[in-house]
């Protein structure tokens, strides 16, 4: 049975029958760090993350990117999912001398960190960057806790091209204007269906053996723009955005 994995992930998945349509650190984190170095002057980073495979593997990639981009990693700390002491973590960040924080936190942990970070006043002197900060987490953090917060992803609901606006319009028509914010995680499920559809149409089959034979070069157009599989990786445009109140403003295509 073919398996479409839709979320951003740490990269490196090459097993037969598995098709990952999400972003990888090489696509998503490396160009964002370069942009923030060149345009904001952020060179010294502290990494915070939840204690499981995606943050740990992403940190390994970040170390490589730091070498390539002449950046410094001045510290790092991982917390138990849902049980982190964010006040203590923020104090560690404050004492590190960093220019910015790379957030590899998910869900409520990211929300709690944002709030503690702002209460400590660190948002006045440091930036934050996350490859997993979506609209509902932004809403939960609150506008007072998201100053100088940057995020990169292949999809934000504030994208204004035809495909993304078509999806958002149909989502609102189906669920109403007060439906939960359409975010990267939800939209990635839509991408996963597009991925399977494109492969099945190209192979004229649903068998993983046949899909594996046609995955190289397979492509489709969707809310993220054109997605094309090369070396089993979904190549796609990545957007860099900055938090603006309760939404994101896209500032660059990476």
C-alpha atoms as a PDB file:
ATOM      1  CA  UNK A   1       0.000   0.000   0.000  1.00  0.00           C
ATOM      2  CA  UNK A   2       1.515   3.397  -0.908  1.00  0.00           C
ATOM      3  CA  UNK A   3       2.112   5.729   2.025  1.00  0.00           C
ATOM      4  CA  UNK A   4       2.046   9.507   1.656  1.00  0.00           C
ATOM      5  CA  UNK A   5       3.733  11.321   4.543  1.00  0.00           C
ATOM      6  CA  UNK A   6       2.582  14.915   4.451  1.00  0.00           C
ATOM      7  CA  UNK A   7       4.292  16.856   7.228  1.00  0.00           C
ATOM      8  CA  UNK A   8       7.633  18.622   7.142  1.00  0.00           C
ATOM      9  CA  UNK A   9      10.245  16.156   8.325  1.00  0.00           C
ATOM     10  CA  UNK A  10      13.959  15.696   8.943  1.00  0.00           C
ATOM     11  CA  UNK A  11      14.712  14.393   5.436  1.00  0.00           C
ATOM     12  CA  UNK A  12      16.493  11.269   4.271  1.00  0.00           C
ATOM     13  CA  UNK A  13      13.482   9.024   3.640  1.00  0.00           C
ATOM     14  CA  UNK A  14      14.206   6.785   0.628  1.00  0.00           C
ATOM     15  CA  UNK A  15      12.352   3.533   1.378  1.00  0.00           C
ATOM     16  CA  UNK A  16      10.164   2.130  -1.415  1.00  0.00           C
ATOM     17  CA  UNK A  17       6.482   2.966  -1.288  1.00  0.00           C
ATOM     18  CA  UNK A  18       6.887   6.048   0.952  1.00  0.00           C
ATOM     19  CA  UNK A  19       6.309   9.466  -0.604  1.00  0.00           C
ATOM     20  CA  UNK A  20       7.083  12.537   1.511  1.00  0.00           C
ATOM     21  CA  UNK A  21       5.551  15.771   0.262  1.00  0.00           C
ATOM     22  CA  UNK A  22       6.666  17.999   3.140  1.00  0.00           C
ATOM     23  CA  UNK A  23       9.579  20.377   3.608  1.00  0.00           C
ATOM     24  CA  UNK A  24      13.069  19.272   4.665  1.00  0.00           C
ATOM     25  CA  UNK A  25      15.686  21.236   6.665  1.00  0.00           C
ATOM     26  CA  UNK A  26      17.866  21.750   3.569  1.00  0.00           C
ATOM     27  CA  UNK A  27      14.949  23.458   1.792  1.00  0.00           C
ATOM     28  CA  UNK A  28      13.422  25.204   4.750  1.00  0.00           C
ATOM     29  CA  UNK A  29      16.019  26.079   7.378  1.00  0.00           C
ATOM     30  CA  UNK A  30      19.281  26.655   5.478  1.00  0.00           C
ATOM     31  CA  UNK A  31      18.051  29.436   3.136  1.00  0.00           C
ATOM     32  CA  UNK A  32      16.160  31.118   5.967  1.00  0.00           C
ATOM     33  CA  UNK A  33      19.294  31.274   8.123  1.00  0.00           C
ATOM     34  CA  UNK A  34      21.202  32.732   5.169  1.00  0.00           C
ATOM     35  CA  UNK A  35      18.510  35.388   4.624  1.00  0.00           C
ATOM     36  CA  UNK A  36      18.424  36.290   8.318  1.00  0.00           C
ATOM     37  CA  UNK A  37      22.225  36.513   8.361  1.00  0.00           C
ATOM     38  CA  UNK A  38      22.335  38.800   5.333  1.00  0.00           C
ATOM     39  CA  UNK A  39      19.307  40.970   6.115  1.00  0.00           C
ATOM     40  CA  UNK A  40      18.997  40.996   9.908  1.00  0.00           C
ATOM     41  CA  UNK A  41      22.584  40.296  10.945  1.00  0.00           C
ATOM     42  CA  UNK A  42      21.773  37.177  12.967  1.00  0.00           C
ATOM     43  CA  UNK A  43      24.956  35.095  13.257  1.00  0.00           C
ATOM     44  CA  UNK A  44      24.892  33.658  16.779  1.00  0.00           C
ATOM     45  CA  UNK A  45      22.065  31.199  17.420  1.00  0.00           C
ATOM     46  CA  UNK A  46      20.673  29.269  20.374  1.00  0.00           C
ATOM     47  CA  UNK A  47      18.579  26.185  19.560  1.00  0.00           C
ATOM     48  CA  UNK A  48      15.563  25.149  21.645  1.00  0.00           C
ATOM     49  CA  UNK A  49      13.568  22.038  20.852  1.00  0.00           C
ATOM     50  CA  UNK A  50      11.310  19.274  22.046  1.00  0.00           C
ATOM     51  CA  UNK A  51      13.029  16.016  22.902  1.00  0.00           C
ATOM     52  CA  UNK A  52      12.165  13.731  19.983  1.00  0.00           C
ATOM     53  CA  UNK A  53      13.538  12.743  16.584  1.00  0.00           C
ATOM     54  CA  UNK A  54      12.542  15.704  14.373  1.00  0.00           C
ATOM     55  CA  UNK A  55      14.191  18.410  16.537  1.00  0.00           C
ATOM     56  CA  UNK A  56      17.291  16.292  17.176  1.00  0.00           C
ATOM     57  CA  UNK A  57      17.753  15.406  13.508  1.00  0.00           C
ATOM     58  CA  UNK A  58      17.074  18.995  12.490  1.00  0.00           C
ATOM     59  CA  UNK A  59      19.738  20.188  14.934  1.00  0.00           C
ATOM     60  CA  UNK A  60      22.218  17.923  13.164  1.00  0.00           C
ATOM     61  CA  UNK A  61      21.312  19.648   9.913  1.00  0.00           C
ATOM     62  CA  UNK A  62      21.556  23.083  11.558  1.00  0.00           C
ATOM     63  CA  UNK A  63      25.121  22.304  12.665  1.00  0.00           C
ATOM     64  CA  UNK A  64      26.017  21.603   9.054  1.00  0.00           C
ATOM     65  CA  UNK A  65      24.302  24.773   7.846  1.00  0.00           C
ATOM     66  CA  UNK A  66      26.105  26.825  10.488  1.00  0.00           C
ATOM     67  CA  UNK A  67      29.445  25.632   9.120  1.00  0.00           C
ATOM     68  CA  UNK A  68      28.408  26.388   5.550  1.00  0.00           C
ATOM     69  CA  UNK A  69      27.081  29.863   6.409  1.00  0.00           C
ATOM     70  CA  UNK A  70      29.768  30.879   8.927  1.00  0.00           C
ATOM     71  CA  UNK A  71      27.295  31.021  11.812  1.00  0.00           C
ATOM     72  CA  UNK A  72      27.834  30.228  15.480  1.00  0.00           C
ATOM     73  CA  UNK A  73      25.725  27.915  17.632  1.00  0.00           C
ATOM     74  CA  UNK A  74      26.236  29.272  21.134  1.00  0.00           C
ATOM     75  CA  UNK A  75      24.024  26.766  22.923  1.00  0.00           C
ATOM     76  CA  UNK A  76      21.026  24.504  22.847  1.00  0.00           C
ATOM     77  CA  UNK A  77      18.475  22.878  25.080  1.00  0.00           C
ATOM     78  CA  UNK A  78      15.783  20.224  24.635  1.00  0.00           C
ATOM     79  CA  UNK A  79      12.710  19.870  26.834  1.00  0.00           C
ATOM     80  CA  UNK A  80      10.293  17.018  27.494  1.00  0.00           C
ATOM     81  CA  UNK A  81       7.262  17.393  25.272  1.00  0.00           C
ATOM     82  CA  UNK A  82       4.551  19.177  27.238  1.00  0.00           C
ATOM     83  CA  UNK A  83       6.616  19.385  30.443  1.00  0.00           C
ATOM     84  CA  UNK A  84       9.289  21.992  29.751  1.00  0.00           C
ATOM     85  CA  UNK A  85      10.168  24.748  32.220  1.00  0.00           C
ATOM     86  CA  UNK A  86       9.942  27.655  29.787  1.00  0.00           C
ATOM     87  CA  UNK A  87      10.885  30.304  32.331  1.00  0.00           C
ATOM     88  CA  UNK A  88      14.149  28.504  33.045  1.00  0.00           C
ATOM     89  CA  UNK A  89      14.727  27.884  29.342  1.00  0.00           C
ATOM     90  CA  UNK A  90      14.280  31.571  28.563  1.00  0.00           C
ATOM     91  CA  UNK A  91      16.806  32.508  31.259  1.00  0.00           C
ATOM     92  CA  UNK A  92      19.321  30.144  29.675  1.00  0.00           C
ATOM     93  CA  UNK A  93      18.714  31.801  26.315  1.00  0.00           C
ATOM     94  CA  UNK A  94      19.076  35.246  27.865  1.00  0.00           C
ATOM     95  CA  UNK A  95      22.496  34.389  29.272  1.00  0.00           C
ATOM     96  CA  UNK A  96      23.812  32.818  26.060  1.00  0.00           C
ATOM     97  CA  UNK A  97      24.724  35.993  24.177  1.00  0.00           C
ATOM     98  CA  UNK A  98      22.866  34.853  21.059  1.00  0.00           C
ATOM     99  CA  UNK A  99      21.403  37.044  18.314  1.00  0.00           C
ATOM    100  CA  UNK A 100      18.491  34.728  17.759  1.00  0.00           C
ATOM    101  CA  UNK A 101      16.741  31.525  18.751  1.00  0.00           C
ATOM    102  CA  UNK A 102      15.996  28.628  16.417  1.00  0.00           C
ATOM    103  CA  UNK A 103      12.753  27.133  17.704  1.00  0.00           C
ATOM    104  CA  UNK A 104      12.273  23.414  17.114  1.00  0.00           C
ATOM    105  CA  UNK A 105       9.307  23.329  19.468  1.00  0.00           C
ATOM    106  CA  UNK A 106       5.816  22.133  18.588  1.00  0.00           C
ATOM    107  CA  UNK A 107       2.286  23.086  19.588  1.00  0.00           C
ATOM    108  CA  UNK A 108       1.716  24.345  23.097  1.00  0.00           C
ATOM    109  CA  UNK A 109       5.422  24.189  23.945  1.00  0.00           C
ATOM    110  CA  UNK A 110       6.122  26.766  21.232  1.00  0.00           C
ATOM    111  CA  UNK A 111       3.227  28.900  22.484  1.00  0.00           C
ATOM    112  CA  UNK A 112       4.466  28.789  26.083  1.00  0.00           C
ATOM    113  CA  UNK A 113       8.014  29.600  24.992  1.00  0.00           C
ATOM    114  CA  UNK A 114       6.820  32.607  22.978  1.00  0.00           C
ATOM    115  CA  UNK A 115       4.909  33.966  25.957  1.00  0.00           C
ATOM    116  CA  UNK A 116       7.823  33.473  28.368  1.00  0.00           C
ATOM    117  CA  UNK A 117      10.270  34.948  25.848  1.00  0.00           C
ATOM    118  CA  UNK A 118       8.173  38.113  25.507  1.00  0.00           C
ATOM    119  CA  UNK A 119       7.547  38.446  29.249  1.00  0.00           C
ATOM    120  CA  UNK A 120      11.313  38.410  29.753  1.00  0.00           C
ATOM    121  CA  UNK A 121      11.608  41.203  27.172  1.00  0.00           C
ATOM    122  CA  UNK A 122      13.931  39.238  24.910  1.00  0.00           C
ATOM    123  CA  UNK A 123      11.822  40.054  21.849  1.00  0.00           C
ATOM    124  CA  UNK A 124      13.319  43.556  22.001  1.00  0.00           C
ATOM    125  CA  UNK A 125      16.877  42.377  21.365  1.00  0.00           C
ATOM    126  CA  UNK A 126      16.654  38.894  19.813  1.00  0.00           C
ATOM    127  CA  UNK A 127      14.841  37.355  16.899  1.00  0.00           C
ATOM    128  CA  UNK A 128      13.190  33.956  16.774  1.00  0.00           C
ATOM    129  CA  UNK A 129      13.023  31.664  13.800  1.00  0.00           C
ATOM    130  CA  UNK A 130      10.892  28.526  13.477  1.00  0.00           C
ATOM    131  CA  UNK A 131      10.269  26.083  10.645  1.00  0.00           C
ATOM    132  CA  UNK A 132       7.124  24.965  12.474  1.00  0.00           C
ATOM    133  CA  UNK A 133       5.206  28.059  13.561  1.00  0.00           C
ATOM    134  CA  UNK A 134       1.761  28.071  12.021  1.00  0.00           C
ATOM    135  CA  UNK A 135      -1.307  30.293  12.248  1.00  0.00           C
ATOM    136  CA  UNK A 136      -3.024  28.628  15.197  1.00  0.00           C
ATOM    137  CA  UNK A 137       0.164  28.638  17.280  1.00  0.00           C
ATOM    138  CA  UNK A 138       0.567  32.309  16.395  1.00  0.00           C
ATOM    139  CA  UNK A 139      -2.995  33.008  17.494  1.00  0.00           C
ATOM    140  CA  UNK A 140      -2.490  31.124  20.760  1.00  0.00           C
ATOM    141  CA  UNK A 141       0.766  32.968  21.493  1.00  0.00           C
ATOM    142  CA  UNK A 142      -0.957  36.330  21.133  1.00  0.00           C
ATOM    143  CA  UNK A 143       0.249  39.478  19.346  1.00  0.00           C
ATOM    144  CA  UNK A 144       2.294  40.658  22.346  1.00  0.00           C
ATOM    145  CA  UNK A 145       4.403  37.502  22.221  1.00  0.00           C
ATOM    146  CA  UNK A 146       5.317  37.361  18.528  1.00  0.00           C
ATOM    147  CA  UNK A 147       7.401  40.446  17.815  1.00  0.00           C
ATOM    148  CA  UNK A 148      10.475  39.657  15.680  1.00  0.00           C
ATOM    149  CA  UNK A 149       9.285  36.089  15.101  1.00  0.00           C
ATOM    150  CA  UNK A 150      10.134  34.620  11.681  1.00  0.00           C
ATOM    151  CA  UNK A 151       8.924  31.384  10.123  1.00  0.00           C
ATOM    152  CA  UNK A 152       9.570  29.520   6.898  1.00  0.00           C
ATOM    153  CA  UNK A 153       7.233  27.095   5.162  1.00  0.00           C
ATOM    154  CA  UNK A 154       5.949  26.121   1.751  1.00  0.00           C
ATOM    155  CA  UNK A 155       2.465  27.316   2.702  1.00  0.00           C
ATOM    156  CA  UNK A 156       0.955  30.175   4.690  1.00  0.00           C
ATOM    157  CA  UNK A 157      -2.707  31.116   4.504  1.00  0.00           C
ATOM    158  CA  UNK A 158      -1.627  34.690   3.657  1.00  0.00           C
ATOM    159  CA  UNK A 159      -0.184  33.594   0.303  1.00  0.00           C
ATOM    160  CA  UNK A 160      -1.948  35.475  -2.500  1.00  0.00           C
ATOM    161  CA  UNK A 161      -1.394  33.401  -5.640  1.00  0.00           C
ATOM    162  CA  UNK A 162      -4.335  31.839  -7.456  1.00  0.00           C
ATOM    163  CA  UNK A 163      -3.982  28.250  -6.232  1.00  0.00           C
ATOM    164  CA  UNK A 164      -3.600  29.115  -2.552  1.00  0.00           C
ATOM    165  CA  UNK A 165      -6.438  31.639  -2.617  1.00  0.00           C
ATOM    166  CA  UNK A 166      -8.669  29.097  -4.371  1.00  0.00           C
ATOM    167  CA  UNK A 167      -8.058  26.578  -1.590  1.00  0.00           C
ATOM    168  CA  UNK A 168      -8.679  29.161   1.136  1.00  0.00           C
ATOM    169  CA  UNK A 169     -11.863  30.347  -0.580  1.00  0.00           C
ATOM    170  CA  UNK A 170     -13.250  26.821  -0.837  1.00  0.00           C
ATOM    171  CA  UNK A 171     -12.237  26.076   2.761  1.00  0.00           C
ATOM    172  CA  UNK A 172     -14.113  29.131   4.052  1.00  0.00           C
ATOM    173  CA  UNK A 173     -17.121  28.378   1.852  1.00  0.00           C
ATOM    174  CA  UNK A 174     -17.252  24.845   3.256  1.00  0.00           C
ATOM    175  CA  UNK A 175     -16.584  25.559   6.937  1.00  0.00           C
ATOM    176  CA  UNK A 176     -17.540  29.217   7.407  1.00  0.00           C
ATOM    177  CA  UNK A 177     -15.636  32.393   8.156  1.00  0.00           C
ATOM    178  CA  UNK A 178     -15.052  31.382  11.793  1.00  0.00           C
ATOM    179  CA  UNK A 179     -13.495  28.004  11.042  1.00  0.00           C
ATOM    180  CA  UNK A 180     -10.046  27.308  12.526  1.00  0.00           C
ATOM    181  CA  UNK A 181      -7.244  29.029  10.665  1.00  0.00           C
ATOM    182  CA  UNK A 182      -6.101  27.028   7.660  1.00  0.00           C
ATOM    183  CA  UNK A 183      -2.464  26.259   8.401  1.00  0.00           C
ATOM    184  CA  UNK A 184       0.566  24.451   7.013  1.00  0.00           C
ATOM    185  CA  UNK A 185      -0.187  21.195   8.811  1.00  0.00           C
ATOM    186  CA  UNK A 186      -3.739  21.001   7.479  1.00  0.00           C
ATOM    187  CA  UNK A 187      -2.771  22.109   3.986  1.00  0.00           C
ATOM    188  CA  UNK A 188      -0.001  19.492   3.925  1.00  0.00           C
ATOM    189  CA  UNK A 189      -2.708  16.784   4.059  1.00  0.00           C
ATOM    190  CA  UNK A 190      -4.138  18.296   0.877  1.00  0.00           C
ATOM    191  CA  UNK A 191      -0.637  18.112  -0.646  1.00  0.00           C
ATOM    192  CA  UNK A 192      -0.401  14.446   0.281  1.00  0.00           C
ATOM    193  CA  UNK A 193      -3.568  13.680  -1.673  1.00  0.00           C
ATOM    194  CA  UNK A 194      -2.170  15.645  -4.637  1.00  0.00           C
ATOM    195  CA  UNK A 195       1.031  13.597  -4.408  1.00  0.00           C
ATOM    196  CA  UNK A 196      -0.767  10.254  -4.524  1.00  0.00           C
ATOM    197  CA  UNK A 197      -3.056  11.473  -7.293  1.00  0.00           C
ATOM    198  CA  UNK A 198      -0.135  12.622  -9.446  1.00  0.00           C
ATOM    199  CA  UNK A 199       1.749   9.362  -8.965  1.00  0.00           C
ATOM    200  CA  UNK A 200      -1.271   7.140  -9.595  1.00  0.00           C
ATOM    201  CA  UNK A 201      -2.179   9.043 -12.753  1.00  0.00           C
ATOM    202  CA  UNK A 202       1.398   8.870 -14.007  1.00  0.00           C
ATOM    203  CA  UNK A 203       1.770   5.146 -13.299  1.00  0.00           C
ATOM    204  CA  UNK A 204      -1.829   4.199 -14.113  1.00  0.00           C
ATOM    205  CA  UNK A 205      -1.566   1.995 -11.045  1.00  0.00           C
ATOM    206  CA  UNK A 206      -1.808   2.111  -7.255  1.00  0.00           C
ATOM    207  CA  UNK A 207       0.897  -0.478  -6.595  1.00  0.00           C
ATOM    208  CA  UNK A 208       3.971   0.959  -4.819  1.00  0.00           C
ATOM    209  CA  UNK A 209       6.286  -0.835  -7.246  1.00  0.00           C
ATOM    210  CA  UNK A 210       4.720   1.047 -10.150  1.00  0.00           C
ATOM    211  CA  UNK A 211       4.641   4.359  -8.271  1.00  0.00           C
ATOM    212  CA  UNK A 212       8.325   3.999  -7.376  1.00  0.00           C
ATOM    213  CA  UNK A 213       9.087   3.609 -11.074  1.00  0.00           C
ATOM    214  CA  UNK A 214       7.551   6.989 -11.934  1.00  0.00           C
ATOM    215  CA  UNK A 215       8.208   9.124  -8.832  1.00  0.00           C
ATOM    216  CA  UNK A 216      11.377  10.715 -10.271  1.00  0.00           C
ATOM    217  CA  UNK A 217      10.249  13.852 -12.098  1.00  0.00           C
ATOM    218  CA  UNK A 218       6.603  13.542 -11.067  1.00  0.00           C
ATOM    219  CA  UNK A 219       5.068  16.983 -10.548  1.00  0.00           C
ATOM    220  CA  UNK A 220       1.794  18.748  -9.891  1.00  0.00           C
ATOM    221  CA  UNK A 221       0.497  22.282  -9.311  1.00  0.00           C
ATOM    222  CA  UNK A 222      -1.241  23.077  -6.041  1.00  0.00           C
ATOM    223  CA  UNK A 223      -1.575  25.696  -3.296  1.00  0.00           C
ATOM    224  CA  UNK A 224       2.209  25.692  -2.799  1.00  0.00           C
ATOM    225  CA  UNK A 225       2.856  26.196  -6.499  1.00  0.00           C
ATOM    226  CA  UNK A 226       4.660  23.549  -8.520  1.00  0.00           C
ATOM    227  CA  UNK A 227       5.908  20.566  -6.529  1.00  0.00           C
ATOM    228  CA  UNK A 228       8.334  18.230  -8.319  1.00  0.00           C
ATOM    229  CA  UNK A 229       9.953  15.056  -6.990  1.00  0.00           C
ATOM    230  CA  UNK A 230      13.691  14.793  -7.561  1.00  0.00           C
ATOM    231  CA  UNK A 231      15.734  12.112  -5.799  1.00  0.00           C
ATOM    232  CA  UNK A 232      12.515  11.241  -3.910  1.00  0.00           C
ATOM    233  CA  UNK A 233      12.397  14.740  -2.374  1.00  0.00           C
ATOM    234  CA  UNK A 234       9.457  17.066  -3.042  1.00  0.00           C
ATOM    235  CA  UNK A 235      11.072  20.236  -4.380  1.00  0.00           C
ATOM    236  CA  UNK A 236       8.921  23.274  -3.666  1.00  0.00           C
ATOM    237  CA  UNK A 237       9.157  27.003  -3.102  1.00  0.00           C
ATOM    238  CA  UNK A 238       9.713  28.036   0.502  1.00  0.00           C
ATOM    239  CA  UNK A 239       8.322  31.301   1.850  1.00  0.00           C
ATOM    240  CA  UNK A 240       9.885  33.321   4.665  1.00  0.00           C
ATOM    241  CA  UNK A 241       7.376  35.216   6.769  1.00  0.00           C
ATOM    242  CA  UNK A 242       7.363  37.452   9.818  1.00  0.00           C
ATOM    243  CA  UNK A 243       4.629  37.504  12.435  1.00  0.00           C
ATOM    244  CA  UNK A 244       2.361  40.520  12.016  1.00  0.00           C
ATOM    245  CA  UNK A 245      -0.174  40.570  14.808  1.00  0.00           C
ATOM    246  CA  UNK A 246      -2.238  37.418  14.436  1.00  0.00           C
ATOM    247  CA  UNK A 247      -1.095  36.499  10.942  1.00  0.00           C
ATOM    248  CA  UNK A 248       2.067  36.191   8.857  1.00  0.00           C
ATOM    249  CA  UNK A 249       3.436  38.638   6.321  1.00  0.00           C
ATOM    250  CA  UNK A 250       5.521  36.959   3.623  1.00  0.00           C
ATOM    251  CA  UNK A 251       8.756  38.852   3.094  1.00  0.00           C
ATOM    252  CA  UNK A 252      10.784  36.613   0.772  1.00  0.00           C
ATOM    253  CA  UNK A 253      10.669  33.512  -1.393  1.00  0.00           C
ATOM    254  CA  UNK A 254      13.683  31.373  -0.567  1.00  0.00           C
END
